[in-house]
Amino acid sequence: NTFVNYMTLNNDIKLSNISRINQNDQQNAIVSYEGTSLNGYNIVLKNLKQNLTEMPLGTYSFSNNSINEKIEFRKYIGLPKSFSTSYLIPSDWISYETQGSFTIVEKTKINGFEVVKVKLNFTASKNGVIEYTINNADFITAY
């Protein structure tokens, strides 16, 4: 049995290859979840102090200037490429200012996997103008 991590933003942005990235420095562990959609969007839930399975149920608020838990959101504007890279070229993307929250609403075990259900609520702005409003978007991940 396999479990596919996925995220759906407002029914038109679907991300199904969500990567969990663990980084350890000498004092703290930092966890991020990143995904890129086939229609040119990238999202990162970043600067978590622990994996989602270890975080308590509840709502975590953030602003664009947050140091801890936050969401980064980007749209691809570069030329179409027929190859993939494992890193983002900054000039190919619009990075938005984000603010809002994410809520860990449920943690369960399914077929031996620890499944976490998260709801995302945030706005993405450029130069003070809101371009995207994401309401109750589903993010489901499992370990």
C-alpha atoms as a PDB file:
ATOM      1  CA  ASN A   1       0.000   0.000   0.000  1.00  0.00           C
ATOM      2  CA  THR A   2       1.191   3.491  -0.817  1.00  0.00           C
ATOM      3  CA  PHE A   3      -0.207   6.818   0.246  1.00  0.00           C
ATOM      4  CA  VAL A   4      -0.059   9.872  -2.004  1.00  0.00           C
ATOM      5  CA  ASN A   5       0.398  13.238  -0.310  1.00  0.00           C
ATOM      6  CA  TYR A   6      -1.708  15.926  -1.940  1.00  0.00           C
ATOM      7  CA  MET A   7      -2.867  19.502  -1.695  1.00  0.00           C
ATOM      8  CA  THR A   8      -5.721  21.239  -3.536  1.00  0.00           C
ATOM      9  CA  LEU A   9      -5.954  25.034  -3.592  1.00  0.00           C
ATOM     10  CA  ASN A  10      -9.356  26.445  -4.658  1.00  0.00           C
ATOM     11  CA  ASN A  11     -10.029  23.414  -6.900  1.00  0.00           C
ATOM     12  CA  ASP A  12      -7.767  24.647  -9.718  1.00  0.00           C
ATOM     13  CA  ILE A  13      -4.271  24.229  -8.265  1.00  0.00           C
ATOM     14  CA  LYS A  14      -3.514  20.584  -7.510  1.00  0.00           C
ATOM     15  CA  LEU A  15      -0.229  19.429  -6.032  1.00  0.00           C
ATOM     16  CA  SER A  16       0.423  15.724  -5.585  1.00  0.00           C
ATOM     17  CA  ASN A  17       4.184  15.429  -5.176  1.00  0.00           C
ATOM     18  CA  ILE A  18       4.652  17.031  -1.779  1.00  0.00           C
ATOM     19  CA  SER A  19       8.182  16.634  -0.431  1.00  0.00           C
ATOM     20  CA  ARG A  20       9.041  16.765   3.245  1.00  0.00           C
ATOM     21  CA  ILE A  21      12.442  18.353   3.792  1.00  0.00           C
ATOM     22  CA  ASN A  22      14.215  17.965   7.128  1.00  0.00           C
ATOM     23  CA  GLN A  23      17.135  20.278   7.829  1.00  0.00           C
ATOM     24  CA  ASN A  24      19.183  20.102  10.988  1.00  0.00           C
ATOM     25  CA  ASP A  25      21.506  22.784  12.206  1.00  0.00           C
ATOM     26  CA  GLN A  26      23.429  22.528  15.429  1.00  0.00           C
ATOM     27  CA  GLN A  27      20.559  23.677  17.645  1.00  0.00           C
ATOM     28  CA  ASN A  28      17.257  23.170  15.835  1.00  0.00           C
ATOM     29  CA  ALA A  29      15.520  20.886  13.400  1.00  0.00           C
ATOM     30  CA  ILE A  30      13.626  22.702  10.648  1.00  0.00           C
ATOM     31  CA  VAL A  31      10.954  20.929   8.605  1.00  0.00           C
ATOM     32  CA  SER A  32       9.375  22.130   5.350  1.00  0.00           C
ATOM     33  CA  TYR A  33       6.774  20.682   2.984  1.00  0.00           C
ATOM     34  CA  GLU A  34       7.063  21.733  -0.667  1.00  0.00           C
ATOM     35  CA  GLY A  35       5.067  21.024  -3.798  1.00  0.00           C
ATOM     36  CA  THR A  36       4.844  22.290  -7.376  1.00  0.00           C
ATOM     37  CA  SER A  37       1.719  21.915  -9.493  1.00  0.00           C
ATOM     38  CA  LEU A  38       1.589  20.989 -13.170  1.00  0.00           C
ATOM     39  CA  ASN A  39      -0.034  24.348 -13.919  1.00  0.00           C
ATOM     40  CA  GLY A  40       2.853  26.405 -12.569  1.00  0.00           C
ATOM     41  CA  TYR A  41       2.451  27.056  -8.846  1.00  0.00           C
ATOM     42  CA  ASN A  42       4.810  26.326  -5.968  1.00  0.00           C
ATOM     43  CA  ILE A  43       3.961  26.281  -2.288  1.00  0.00           C
ATOM     44  CA  VAL A  44       6.166  25.761   0.754  1.00  0.00           C
ATOM     45  CA  LEU A  45       4.927  25.244   4.287  1.00  0.00           C
ATOM     46  CA  LYS A  46       8.196  26.103   5.986  1.00  0.00           C
ATOM     47  CA  ASN A  47      10.150  26.688   9.158  1.00  0.00           C
ATOM     48  CA  LEU A  48       8.259  24.129  11.215  1.00  0.00           C
ATOM     49  CA  LYS A  49      10.011  23.085  14.417  1.00  0.00           C
ATOM     50  CA  GLN A  50       8.826  19.478  13.973  1.00  0.00           C
ATOM     51  CA  ASN A  51       7.003  17.171  11.568  1.00  0.00           C
ATOM     52  CA  LEU A  52       3.252  17.704  11.231  1.00  0.00           C
ATOM     53  CA  THR A  53       2.633  14.351  12.951  1.00  0.00           C
ATOM     54  CA  GLU A  54       4.381  15.690  16.053  1.00  0.00           C
ATOM     55  CA  MET A  55       2.651  19.095  16.158  1.00  0.00           C
ATOM     56  CA  PRO A  56      -0.490  19.501  18.275  1.00  0.00           C
ATOM     57  CA  LEU A  57      -3.883  19.952  16.656  1.00  0.00           C
ATOM     58  CA  GLY A  58      -4.657  23.638  16.306  1.00  0.00           C
ATOM     59  CA  THR A  59      -4.272  26.778  14.237  1.00  0.00           C
ATOM     60  CA  TYR A  60      -0.914  28.359  13.413  1.00  0.00           C
ATOM     61  CA  SER A  61      -1.052  31.948  12.166  1.00  0.00           C
ATOM     62  CA  PHE A  62       1.630  33.655  10.080  1.00  0.00           C
ATOM     63  CA  SER A  63       2.455  36.807   8.150  1.00  0.00           C
ATOM     64  CA  ASN A  64       4.918  37.397   5.353  1.00  0.00           C
ATOM     65  CA  ASN A  65       7.504  38.490   7.945  1.00  0.00           C
ATOM     66  CA  SER A  66       7.101  35.441  10.198  1.00  0.00           C
ATOM     67  CA  ILE A  67      10.287  33.667  11.133  1.00  0.00           C
ATOM     68  CA  ASN A  68       8.596  30.480  12.318  1.00  0.00           C
ATOM     69  CA  GLU A  69       5.767  28.581  10.636  1.00  0.00           C
ATOM     70  CA  LYS A  70       4.736  30.250   7.379  1.00  0.00           C
ATOM     71  CA  ILE A  71       3.605  29.586   3.818  1.00  0.00           C
ATOM     72  CA  GLU A  72       5.465  30.756   0.721  1.00  0.00           C
ATOM     73  CA  PHE A  73       3.533  30.866  -2.562  1.00  0.00           C
ATOM     74  CA  ARG A  74       4.903  31.368  -6.093  1.00  0.00           C
ATOM     75  CA  LYS A  75       3.675  31.384  -9.694  1.00  0.00           C
ATOM     76  CA  TYR A  76       5.837  30.327 -12.629  1.00  0.00           C
ATOM     77  CA  ILE A  77       6.351  33.051 -15.267  1.00  0.00           C
ATOM     78  CA  GLY A  78       9.447  31.715 -17.057  1.00  0.00           C
ATOM     79  CA  LEU A  79       9.674  30.143 -20.480  1.00  0.00           C
ATOM     80  CA  PRO A  80       8.351  26.581 -20.696  1.00  0.00           C
ATOM     81  CA  LYS A  81      11.138  24.063 -20.248  1.00  0.00           C
ATOM     82  CA  SER A  82      11.249  20.436 -21.261  1.00  0.00           C
ATOM     83  CA  PHE A  83      13.531  19.494 -18.384  1.00  0.00           C
ATOM     84  CA  SER A  84      13.101  19.582 -14.667  1.00  0.00           C
ATOM     85  CA  THR A  85      15.464  20.862 -12.044  1.00  0.00           C
ATOM     86  CA  SER A  86      15.540  20.281  -8.329  1.00  0.00           C
ATOM     87  CA  TYR A  87      15.831  23.975  -7.552  1.00  0.00           C
ATOM     88  CA  LEU A  88      13.868  27.094  -8.411  1.00  0.00           C
ATOM     89  CA  ILE A  89      15.398  29.816 -10.572  1.00  0.00           C
ATOM     90  CA  PRO A  90      14.152  32.996  -8.826  1.00  0.00           C
ATOM     91  CA  SER A  91      13.732  35.030 -12.030  1.00  0.00           C
ATOM     92  CA  ASP A  92      11.298  32.387 -13.365  1.00  0.00           C
ATOM     93  CA  TRP A  93       8.845  32.875 -10.487  1.00  0.00           C
ATOM     94  CA  ILE A  94       6.652  35.578  -8.945  1.00  0.00           C
ATOM     95  CA  SER A  95       6.931  35.328  -5.154  1.00  0.00           C
ATOM     96  CA  TYR A  96       3.876  36.563  -3.290  1.00  0.00           C
ATOM     97  CA  GLU A  97       3.567  38.108   0.156  1.00  0.00           C
ATOM     98  CA  THR A  98       1.448  35.755   2.240  1.00  0.00           C
ATOM     99  CA  GLN A  99      -0.495  35.924   5.459  1.00  0.00           C
ATOM    100  CA  GLY A 100      -3.062  33.700   7.069  1.00  0.00           C
ATOM    101  CA  SER A 101      -3.076  30.417   8.930  1.00  0.00           C
ATOM    102  CA  PHE A 102      -2.985  26.671   8.660  1.00  0.00           C
ATOM    103  CA  THR A 103      -4.887  24.364  10.956  1.00  0.00           C
ATOM    104  CA  ILE A 104      -3.963  20.800  11.828  1.00  0.00           C
ATOM    105  CA  VAL A 105      -7.480  19.374  12.078  1.00  0.00           C
ATOM    106  CA  GLU A 106      -6.988  15.616  12.268  1.00  0.00           C
ATOM    107  CA  LYS A 107      -4.374  12.932  12.873  1.00  0.00           C
ATOM    108  CA  THR A 108      -5.252   9.272  12.287  1.00  0.00           C
ATOM    109  CA  LYS A 109      -3.674   5.934  11.351  1.00  0.00           C
ATOM    110  CA  ILE A 110      -4.682   4.412   8.007  1.00  0.00           C
ATOM    111  CA  ASN A 111      -3.119   1.134   6.827  1.00  0.00           C
ATOM    112  CA  GLY A 112      -0.138   1.698   9.122  1.00  0.00           C
ATOM    113  CA  PHE A 113       0.441   5.286   7.971  1.00  0.00           C
ATOM    114  CA  GLU A 114       0.179   8.298  10.264  1.00  0.00           C
ATOM    115  CA  VAL A 115      -2.132  10.594   8.288  1.00  0.00           C
ATOM    116  CA  VAL A 116      -2.361  14.322   8.999  1.00  0.00           C
ATOM    117  CA  LYS A 117      -5.104  16.548   7.588  1.00  0.00           C
ATOM    118  CA  VAL A 118      -4.366  20.270   7.392  1.00  0.00           C
ATOM    119  CA  LYS A 119      -6.573  23.164   6.251  1.00  0.00           C
ATOM    120  CA  LEU A 120      -4.822  26.142   4.637  1.00  0.00           C
ATOM    121  CA  ASN A 121      -6.257  29.664   4.736  1.00  0.00           C
ATOM    122  CA  PHE A 122      -4.158  32.498   3.345  1.00  0.00           C
ATOM    123  CA  THR A 123      -3.930  35.400   0.944  1.00  0.00           C
ATOM    124  CA  ALA A 124      -1.164  35.920  -1.597  1.00  0.00           C
ATOM    125  CA  SER A 125      -0.452  39.556  -2.529  1.00  0.00           C
ATOM    126  CA  LYS A 126       1.893  41.422  -4.842  1.00  0.00           C
ATOM    127  CA  ASN A 127       2.646  45.086  -4.112  1.00  0.00           C
ATOM    128  CA  GLY A 128      -0.205  45.216  -1.607  1.00  0.00           C
ATOM    129  CA  VAL A 129      -2.823  43.829  -4.038  1.00  0.00           C
ATOM    130  CA  ILE A 130      -4.379  40.470  -3.119  1.00  0.00           C
ATOM    131  CA  GLU A 131      -4.164  38.154  -6.151  1.00  0.00           C
ATOM    132  CA  TYR A 132      -5.134  34.844  -4.507  1.00  0.00           C
ATOM    133  CA  THR A 133      -7.351  34.005  -1.575  1.00  0.00           C
ATOM    134  CA  ILE A 134      -7.074  30.389  -0.448  1.00  0.00           C
ATOM    135  CA  ASN A 135      -9.892  29.183   1.826  1.00  0.00           C
ATOM    136  CA  ASN A 136     -10.041  25.813   3.600  1.00  0.00           C
ATOM    137  CA  ALA A 137      -7.638  24.180   1.147  1.00  0.00           C
ATOM    138  CA  ASP A 138      -6.916  20.532   1.924  1.00  0.00           C
ATOM    139  CA  PHE A 139      -3.411  19.276   2.566  1.00  0.00           C
ATOM    140  CA  ILE A 140      -3.239  15.571   3.406  1.00  0.00           C
ATOM    141  CA  THR A 141       0.094  13.955   4.173  1.00  0.00           C
ATOM    142  CA  ALA A 142       1.180  10.590   5.600  1.00  0.00           C
ATOM    143  CA  TYR A 143       4.289   8.884   6.985  1.00  0.00           C
END
